[in-house]
Amino acid sequence: MKKIRLAFFILLLSFLSCSSGYNWKTRIEIPGEPILNLDNFKEIIITNFLIKKEAKNFDLNKEIVAYFSSELGKEFKGKLSSRTINLEQEEVFKDESFWREQGIDLKETLLISGSAQYTEEVRKAILERRRDRVEDPFQSERGLAERKFYTFLLDLYLIDSKTGKALYKRNFKESRGYQNPKQTAQFAFFDLIGRVKTKFFQNILAVTKIQERHLISK
């Protein structure tokens, strides 16, 4: 952070020394401050998720665990593993004693768990399309169109295995419609969970952000 401030100050002095009466916009990189720093942990255990509803012929639990295992493995330097826990109701995520009783009393170990649902629906709508200019401009075609919509809901919890306390909680809701009637749940899922990952990683990683600054001289 000190290096960034120094570079910006030098740039400002240089600009002011050679210009007057000018407003100049520049972009600089600012390291983000993570809400929860993964560097404080030696191990991350991704548990199974409490599945409320999932699309047909799609193993939502398996896909979530596999995705986060892969993506976190690219960023986390410690040990990463998965574990199955008996999750029967949503209340367990707020029950600190439940997590302490799982036998994972190791220090500096983070549990990632939560609940999820993934739904698919077909929506119909009447669409109106203008005819070609050569034809009557006041006439239009009306037809029934179908769209496939997928919605992914994820309540994500990051829990300290030693205390059972939730260190991070966030509710995600992502949805998207597709014109392709043959759109698969598998393909749509990776679109939606990719959005979740971007938001999630901004909270736990020091993601660099681009910010604009204005240099004004009189």
C-alpha atoms as a PDB file:
ATOM      1  CA  MET A   1       0.000   0.000   0.000  1.00  0.00           C
ATOM      2  CA  LYS A   2       2.897   2.398   0.794  1.00  0.00           C
ATOM      3  CA  LYS A   3       4.409   1.706  -2.646  1.00  0.00           C
ATOM      4  CA  ILE A   4       1.108   2.527  -4.329  1.00  0.00           C
ATOM      5  CA  ARG A   5       0.784   5.805  -2.441  1.00  0.00           C
ATOM      6  CA  LEU A   6       4.388   6.760  -3.245  1.00  0.00           C
ATOM      7  CA  ALA A   7       3.936   5.998  -6.953  1.00  0.00           C
ATOM      8  CA  PHE A   8       0.721   7.991  -7.062  1.00  0.00           C
ATOM      9  CA  PHE A   9       2.359  10.946  -5.268  1.00  0.00           C
ATOM     10  CA  ILE A  10       5.297  10.972  -7.682  1.00  0.00           C
ATOM     11  CA  LEU A  11       2.934  10.826 -10.625  1.00  0.00           C
ATOM     12  CA  LEU A  12       0.948  13.719  -9.192  1.00  0.00           C
ATOM     13  CA  LEU A  13       4.022  15.912  -8.712  1.00  0.00           C
ATOM     14  CA  SER A  14       5.257  15.156 -12.202  1.00  0.00           C
ATOM     15  CA  PHE A  15       1.923  16.045 -13.692  1.00  0.00           C
ATOM     16  CA  LEU A  16       1.516  19.285 -11.773  1.00  0.00           C
ATOM     17  CA  SER A  17       5.018  20.438 -12.712  1.00  0.00           C
ATOM     18  CA  CYS A  18       4.373  20.282 -16.443  1.00  0.00           C
ATOM     19  CA  SER A  19       0.697  21.224 -16.834  1.00  0.00           C
ATOM     20  CA  SER A  20      -1.842  23.727 -15.656  1.00  0.00           C
ATOM     21  CA  GLY A  21      -5.586  24.023 -15.752  1.00  0.00           C
ATOM     22  CA  TYR A  22      -6.101  20.397 -16.727  1.00  0.00           C
ATOM     23  CA  ASN A  23      -8.093  17.435 -15.440  1.00  0.00           C
ATOM     24  CA  TRP A  24      -6.431  14.108 -16.162  1.00  0.00           C
ATOM     25  CA  LYS A  25      -7.973  10.734 -15.348  1.00  0.00           C
ATOM     26  CA  THR A  26      -5.769   7.727 -14.561  1.00  0.00           C
ATOM     27  CA  ARG A  27      -6.370   4.156 -13.412  1.00  0.00           C
ATOM     28  CA  ILE A  28      -4.393   2.435 -10.653  1.00  0.00           C
ATOM     29  CA  GLU A  29      -4.460  -1.024  -9.102  1.00  0.00           C
ATOM     30  CA  ILE A  30      -5.583  -1.217  -5.455  1.00  0.00           C
ATOM     31  CA  PRO A  31      -5.139  -4.507  -3.542  1.00  0.00           C
ATOM     32  CA  GLY A  32      -8.419  -5.562  -1.941  1.00  0.00           C
ATOM     33  CA  GLU A  33      -8.816  -6.271   1.761  1.00  0.00           C
ATOM     34  CA  PRO A  34     -10.304  -9.777   2.267  1.00  0.00           C
ATOM     35  CA  ILE A  35     -13.135 -10.208   4.765  1.00  0.00           C
ATOM     36  CA  LEU A  36     -11.654 -13.579   5.707  1.00  0.00           C
ATOM     37  CA  ASN A  37      -7.983 -14.296   5.017  1.00  0.00           C
ATOM     38  CA  LEU A  38      -7.340 -17.902   3.954  1.00  0.00           C
ATOM     39  CA  ASP A  39      -3.663 -17.515   4.834  1.00  0.00           C
ATOM     40  CA  ASN A  40      -4.701 -17.832   8.481  1.00  0.00           C
ATOM     41  CA  PHE A  41      -5.601 -21.503   7.947  1.00  0.00           C
ATOM     42  CA  LYS A  42      -3.510 -24.582   7.305  1.00  0.00           C
ATOM     43  CA  GLU A  43      -6.354 -26.783   6.104  1.00  0.00           C
ATOM     44  CA  ILE A  44      -9.720 -26.391   4.411  1.00  0.00           C
ATOM     45  CA  ILE A  45     -12.344 -29.144   4.507  1.00  0.00           C
ATOM     46  CA  ILE A  46     -15.261 -28.891   2.089  1.00  0.00           C
ATOM     47  CA  THR A  47     -18.253 -30.806   3.391  1.00  0.00           C
ATOM     48  CA  ASN A  48     -21.307 -32.012   1.532  1.00  0.00           C
ATOM     49  CA  PHE A  49     -24.160 -29.505   1.153  1.00  0.00           C
ATOM     50  CA  LEU A  50     -27.746 -29.646   2.340  1.00  0.00           C
ATOM     51  CA  ILE A  51     -29.656 -29.940  -0.940  1.00  0.00           C
ATOM     52  CA  LYS A  52     -33.146 -28.469  -0.900  1.00  0.00           C
ATOM     53  CA  LYS A  53     -33.923 -29.022  -4.571  1.00  0.00           C
ATOM     54  CA  GLU A  54     -31.986 -29.841  -7.699  1.00  0.00           C
ATOM     55  CA  ALA A  55     -32.617 -30.122 -11.415  1.00  0.00           C
ATOM     56  CA  LYS A  56     -33.464 -33.527 -12.830  1.00  0.00           C
ATOM     57  CA  ASN A  57     -30.582 -35.868 -13.703  1.00  0.00           C
ATOM     58  CA  PHE A  58     -28.083 -33.569 -11.994  1.00  0.00           C
ATOM     59  CA  ASP A  59     -26.032 -34.306  -8.860  1.00  0.00           C
ATOM     60  CA  LEU A  60     -25.868 -30.818  -7.361  1.00  0.00           C
ATOM     61  CA  ASN A  61     -23.963 -31.820  -4.235  1.00  0.00           C
ATOM     62  CA  LYS A  62     -21.234 -33.553  -6.189  1.00  0.00           C
ATOM     63  CA  GLU A  63     -20.846 -30.673  -8.627  1.00  0.00           C
ATOM     64  CA  ILE A  64     -20.582 -27.984  -5.922  1.00  0.00           C
ATOM     65  CA  VAL A  65     -17.927 -29.867  -3.960  1.00  0.00           C
ATOM     66  CA  ALA A  66     -15.939 -30.679  -7.101  1.00  0.00           C
ATOM     67  CA  TYR A  67     -16.076 -27.092  -8.356  1.00  0.00           C
ATOM     68  CA  PHE A  68     -14.959 -25.446  -5.125  1.00  0.00           C
ATOM     69  CA  SER A  69     -12.271 -28.091  -4.581  1.00  0.00           C
ATOM     70  CA  SER A  70     -10.849 -27.297  -7.996  1.00  0.00           C
ATOM     71  CA  GLU A  71     -11.055 -23.499  -7.778  1.00  0.00           C
ATOM     72  CA  LEU A  72      -9.833 -23.179  -4.181  1.00  0.00           C
ATOM     73  CA  GLY A  73      -7.007 -25.578  -4.972  1.00  0.00           C
ATOM     74  CA  LYS A  74      -5.630 -22.953  -7.350  1.00  0.00           C
ATOM     75  CA  GLU A  75      -5.488 -20.308  -4.607  1.00  0.00           C
ATOM     76  CA  PHE A  76      -5.061 -22.059  -1.265  1.00  0.00           C
ATOM     77  CA  LYS A  77      -1.545 -23.204  -0.344  1.00  0.00           C
ATOM     78  CA  GLY A  78      -2.478 -25.510   2.516  1.00  0.00           C
ATOM     79  CA  LYS A  79      -4.175 -28.906   2.665  1.00  0.00           C
ATOM     80  CA  LEU A  80      -7.561 -29.198   0.926  1.00  0.00           C
ATOM     81  CA  SER A  81      -9.934 -32.138   1.425  1.00  0.00           C
ATOM     82  CA  SER A  82     -13.629 -33.087   1.520  1.00  0.00           C
ATOM     83  CA  ARG A  83     -15.777 -34.807   4.121  1.00  0.00           C
ATOM     84  CA  THR A  84     -19.360 -36.064   4.385  1.00  0.00           C
ATOM     85  CA  ILE A  85     -21.392 -34.836   7.367  1.00  0.00           C
ATOM     86  CA  ASN A  86     -24.971 -35.684   8.233  1.00  0.00           C
ATOM     87  CA  LEU A  87     -26.846 -32.471   7.458  1.00  0.00           C
ATOM     88  CA  GLU A  88     -30.565 -32.785   8.100  1.00  0.00           C
ATOM     89  CA  GLN A  89     -31.783 -29.225   8.552  1.00  0.00           C
ATOM     90  CA  GLU A  90     -30.758 -25.624   7.988  1.00  0.00           C
ATOM     91  CA  GLU A  91     -30.437 -24.885  11.707  1.00  0.00           C
ATOM     92  CA  VAL A  92     -27.200 -26.904  12.034  1.00  0.00           C
ATOM     93  CA  PHE A  93     -25.226 -24.119  10.349  1.00  0.00           C
ATOM     94  CA  LYS A  94     -25.914 -21.838  13.299  1.00  0.00           C
ATOM     95  CA  ASP A  95     -25.332 -24.550  15.917  1.00  0.00           C
ATOM     96  CA  GLU A  96     -21.728 -24.160  17.081  1.00  0.00           C
ATOM     97  CA  SER A  97     -21.878 -27.306  19.227  1.00  0.00           C
ATOM     98  CA  PHE A  98     -22.861 -29.377  16.180  1.00  0.00           C
ATOM     99  CA  TRP A  99     -19.625 -28.502  14.396  1.00  0.00           C
ATOM    100  CA  ARG A 100     -17.485 -28.926  17.488  1.00  0.00           C
ATOM    101  CA  GLU A 101     -18.861 -32.470  17.855  1.00  0.00           C
ATOM    102  CA  GLN A 102     -17.733 -33.500  14.368  1.00  0.00           C
ATOM    103  CA  GLY A 103     -14.343 -34.552  15.698  1.00  0.00           C
ATOM    104  CA  ILE A 104     -12.436 -31.983  13.669  1.00  0.00           C
ATOM    105  CA  ASP A 105     -10.872 -30.139  16.581  1.00  0.00           C
ATOM    106  CA  LEU A 106      -7.736 -29.184  14.714  1.00  0.00           C
ATOM    107  CA  LYS A 107      -6.555 -25.618  15.007  1.00  0.00           C
ATOM    108  CA  GLU A 108      -6.378 -23.433  11.921  1.00  0.00           C
ATOM    109  CA  THR A 109      -8.858 -25.630  10.029  1.00  0.00           C
ATOM    110  CA  LEU A 110     -11.713 -24.092   8.069  1.00  0.00           C
ATOM    111  CA  LEU A 111     -14.932 -25.903   7.123  1.00  0.00           C
ATOM    112  CA  ILE A 112     -16.876 -24.885   4.029  1.00  0.00           C
ATOM    113  CA  SER A 113     -20.491 -25.978   3.998  1.00  0.00           C
ATOM    114  CA  GLY A 114     -24.013 -24.733   3.385  1.00  0.00           C
ATOM    115  CA  SER A 115     -27.305 -25.391   1.656  1.00  0.00           C
ATOM    116  CA  ALA A 116     -28.246 -25.144  -2.005  1.00  0.00           C
ATOM    117  CA  GLN A 117     -30.941 -25.595  -4.568  1.00  0.00           C
ATOM    118  CA  TYR A 118     -30.888 -25.617  -8.353  1.00  0.00           C
ATOM    119  CA  THR A 119     -34.075 -25.326 -10.369  1.00  0.00           C
ATOM    120  CA  GLU A 120     -34.991 -25.506 -14.027  1.00  0.00           C
ATOM    121  CA  GLU A 121     -38.160 -24.144 -15.597  1.00  0.00           C
ATOM    122  CA  VAL A 122     -39.541 -23.383 -19.031  1.00  0.00           C
ATOM    123  CA  ARG A 123     -41.171 -19.996 -19.450  1.00  0.00           C
ATOM    124  CA  LYS A 124     -43.392 -19.032 -22.362  1.00  0.00           C
ATOM    125  CA  ALA A 125     -43.996 -15.546 -23.711  1.00  0.00           C
ATOM    126  CA  ILE A 126     -45.642 -13.934 -26.714  1.00  0.00           C
ATOM    127  CA  LEU A 127     -43.031 -12.092 -28.742  1.00  0.00           C
ATOM    128  CA  GLU A 128     -43.717  -9.524 -31.426  1.00  0.00           C
ATOM    129  CA  ARG A 129     -41.374  -9.057 -34.360  1.00  0.00           C
ATOM    130  CA  ARG A 130     -41.551  -6.293 -36.983  1.00  0.00           C
ATOM    131  CA  ARG A 131     -41.802  -7.371 -40.585  1.00  0.00           C
ATOM    132  CA  ASP A 132     -39.268  -6.364 -43.217  1.00  0.00           C
ATOM    133  CA  ARG A 133     -39.255  -2.691 -44.210  1.00  0.00           C
ATOM    134  CA  VAL A 134     -40.373  -3.574 -47.733  1.00  0.00           C
ATOM    135  CA  GLU A 135     -43.636  -4.858 -46.309  1.00  0.00           C
ATOM    136  CA  ASP A 136     -46.296  -2.945 -44.453  1.00  0.00           C
ATOM    137  CA  PRO A 137     -44.436  -1.227 -41.542  1.00  0.00           C
ATOM    138  CA  PHE A 138     -47.565  -1.291 -39.396  1.00  0.00           C
ATOM    139  CA  GLN A 139     -47.834  -5.059 -39.454  1.00  0.00           C
ATOM    140  CA  SER A 140     -45.920  -7.367 -37.194  1.00  0.00           C
ATOM    141  CA  GLU A 141     -45.634 -11.049 -36.439  1.00  0.00           C
ATOM    142  CA  ARG A 142     -46.603 -12.474 -33.088  1.00  0.00           C
ATOM    143  CA  GLY A 143     -45.517 -15.871 -31.877  1.00  0.00           C
ATOM    144  CA  LEU A 144     -45.097 -17.977 -28.786  1.00  0.00           C
ATOM    145  CA  ALA A 145     -41.489 -18.370 -27.621  1.00  0.00           C
ATOM    146  CA  GLU A 146     -40.026 -20.599 -24.940  1.00  0.00           C
ATOM    147  CA  ARG A 147     -37.020 -19.941 -22.740  1.00  0.00           C
ATOM    148  CA  LYS A 148     -35.247 -22.244 -20.330  1.00  0.00           C
ATOM    149  CA  PHE A 149     -34.470 -20.613 -17.002  1.00  0.00           C
ATOM    150  CA  TYR A 150     -32.059 -21.933 -14.403  1.00  0.00           C
ATOM    151  CA  THR A 151     -31.769 -20.564 -10.855  1.00  0.00           C
ATOM    152  CA  PHE A 152     -28.990 -21.421  -8.413  1.00  0.00           C
ATOM    153  CA  LEU A 153     -29.370 -20.566  -4.721  1.00  0.00           C
ATOM    154  CA  LEU A 154     -26.441 -21.084  -2.366  1.00  0.00           C
ATOM    155  CA  ASP A 155     -26.198 -20.265   1.338  1.00  0.00           C
ATOM    156  CA  LEU A 156     -22.477 -20.531   2.013  1.00  0.00           C
ATOM    157  CA  TYR A 157     -20.901 -20.899   5.459  1.00  0.00           C
ATOM    158  CA  LEU A 158     -17.227 -20.833   6.430  1.00  0.00           C
ATOM    159  CA  ILE A 159     -16.884 -22.349   9.900  1.00  0.00           C
ATOM    160  CA  ASP A 160     -14.021 -22.543  12.380  1.00  0.00           C
ATOM    161  CA  SER A 161     -13.690 -26.252  13.149  1.00  0.00           C
ATOM    162  CA  LYS A 162     -12.330 -25.618  16.645  1.00  0.00           C
ATOM    163  CA  THR A 163     -15.037 -23.265  17.924  1.00  0.00           C
ATOM    164  CA  GLY A 164     -17.885 -24.161  15.564  1.00  0.00           C
ATOM    165  CA  LYS A 165     -18.424 -20.467  14.885  1.00  0.00           C
ATOM    166  CA  ALA A 166     -19.421 -19.263  11.417  1.00  0.00           C
ATOM    167  CA  LEU A 167     -16.718 -16.808  10.354  1.00  0.00           C
ATOM    168  CA  TYR A 168     -18.405 -15.972   7.057  1.00  0.00           C
ATOM    169  CA  LYS A 169     -21.928 -16.340   5.693  1.00  0.00           C
ATOM    170  CA  ARG A 170     -23.387 -15.166   2.418  1.00  0.00           C
ATOM    171  CA  ASN A 171     -26.511 -15.917   0.426  1.00  0.00           C
ATOM    172  CA  PHE A 172     -26.102 -16.124  -3.329  1.00  0.00           C
ATOM    173  CA  LYS A 173     -28.838 -16.116  -5.947  1.00  0.00           C
ATOM    174  CA  GLU A 174     -27.970 -16.392  -9.619  1.00  0.00           C
ATOM    175  CA  SER A 175     -30.327 -17.033 -12.538  1.00  0.00           C
ATOM    176  CA  ARG A 176     -30.154 -16.989 -16.305  1.00  0.00           C
ATOM    177  CA  GLY A 177     -32.410 -17.684 -19.260  1.00  0.00           C
ATOM    178  CA  TYR A 178     -31.416 -19.502 -22.459  1.00  0.00           C
ATOM    179  CA  GLN A 179     -33.027 -19.423 -25.884  1.00  0.00           C
ATOM    180  CA  ASN A 180     -31.653 -22.834 -26.769  1.00  0.00           C
ATOM    181  CA  PRO A 181     -34.417 -25.359 -25.919  1.00  0.00           C
ATOM    182  CA  LYS A 182     -31.767 -28.063 -25.564  1.00  0.00           C
ATOM    183  CA  GLN A 183     -29.723 -26.147 -23.007  1.00  0.00           C
ATOM    184  CA  THR A 184     -28.416 -28.611 -20.408  1.00  0.00           C
ATOM    185  CA  ALA A 185     -28.501 -28.144 -16.644  1.00  0.00           C
ATOM    186  CA  GLN A 186     -24.803 -29.048 -16.510  1.00  0.00           C
ATOM    187  CA  PHE A 187     -23.726 -26.218 -18.805  1.00  0.00           C
ATOM    188  CA  ALA A 188     -25.973 -23.630 -17.154  1.00  0.00           C
ATOM    189  CA  PHE A 189     -24.708 -24.618 -13.712  1.00  0.00           C
ATOM    190  CA  PHE A 190     -21.132 -23.686 -14.553  1.00  0.00           C
ATOM    191  CA  ASP A 191     -22.303 -20.295 -15.803  1.00  0.00           C
ATOM    192  CA  LEU A 192     -24.099 -19.613 -12.529  1.00  0.00           C
ATOM    193  CA  ILE A 193     -21.569 -20.990 -10.058  1.00  0.00           C
ATOM    194  CA  GLY A 194     -18.878 -19.046 -11.917  1.00  0.00           C
ATOM    195  CA  ARG A 195     -20.691 -15.849 -10.935  1.00  0.00           C
ATOM    196  CA  VAL A 196     -20.840 -17.067  -7.340  1.00  0.00           C
ATOM    197  CA  LYS A 197     -17.118 -17.799  -7.349  1.00  0.00           C
ATOM    198  CA  THR A 198     -16.263 -14.287  -8.554  1.00  0.00           C
ATOM    199  CA  LYS A 199     -18.219 -12.664  -5.708  1.00  0.00           C
ATOM    200  CA  PHE A 200     -17.027 -15.192  -3.123  1.00  0.00           C
ATOM    201  CA  PHE A 201     -13.352 -14.856  -4.021  1.00  0.00           C
ATOM    202  CA  GLN A 202     -13.586 -11.073  -3.776  1.00  0.00           C
ATOM    203  CA  ASN A 203     -14.436 -11.598  -0.092  1.00  0.00           C
ATOM    204  CA  ILE A 204     -11.730 -14.120   0.808  1.00  0.00           C
ATOM    205  CA  LEU A 205      -8.860 -13.235  -1.525  1.00  0.00           C
ATOM    206  CA  ALA A 206      -6.894 -10.009  -1.871  1.00  0.00           C
ATOM    207  CA  VAL A 207      -8.287  -9.413  -5.345  1.00  0.00           C
ATOM    208  CA  THR A 208      -6.739  -6.420  -7.102  1.00  0.00           C
ATOM    209  CA  LYS A 209      -9.269  -3.767  -8.049  1.00  0.00           C
ATOM    210  CA  ILE A 210      -8.892  -1.098 -10.705  1.00  0.00           C
ATOM    211  CA  GLN A 211      -9.901   2.354  -9.485  1.00  0.00           C
ATOM    212  CA  GLU A 212      -9.920   5.683 -11.280  1.00  0.00           C
ATOM    213  CA  ARG A 213      -8.233   8.788  -9.933  1.00  0.00           C
ATOM    214  CA  HIS A 214      -8.473  12.361 -11.220  1.00  0.00           C
ATOM    215  CA  LEU A 215      -5.435  14.639 -11.284  1.00  0.00           C
ATOM    216  CA  ILE A 216      -6.524  18.263 -11.331  1.00  0.00           C
ATOM    217  CA  SER A 217      -4.278  21.273 -11.682  1.00  0.00           C
ATOM    218  CA  LYS A 218      -5.206  24.937 -11.563  1.00  0.00           C
END
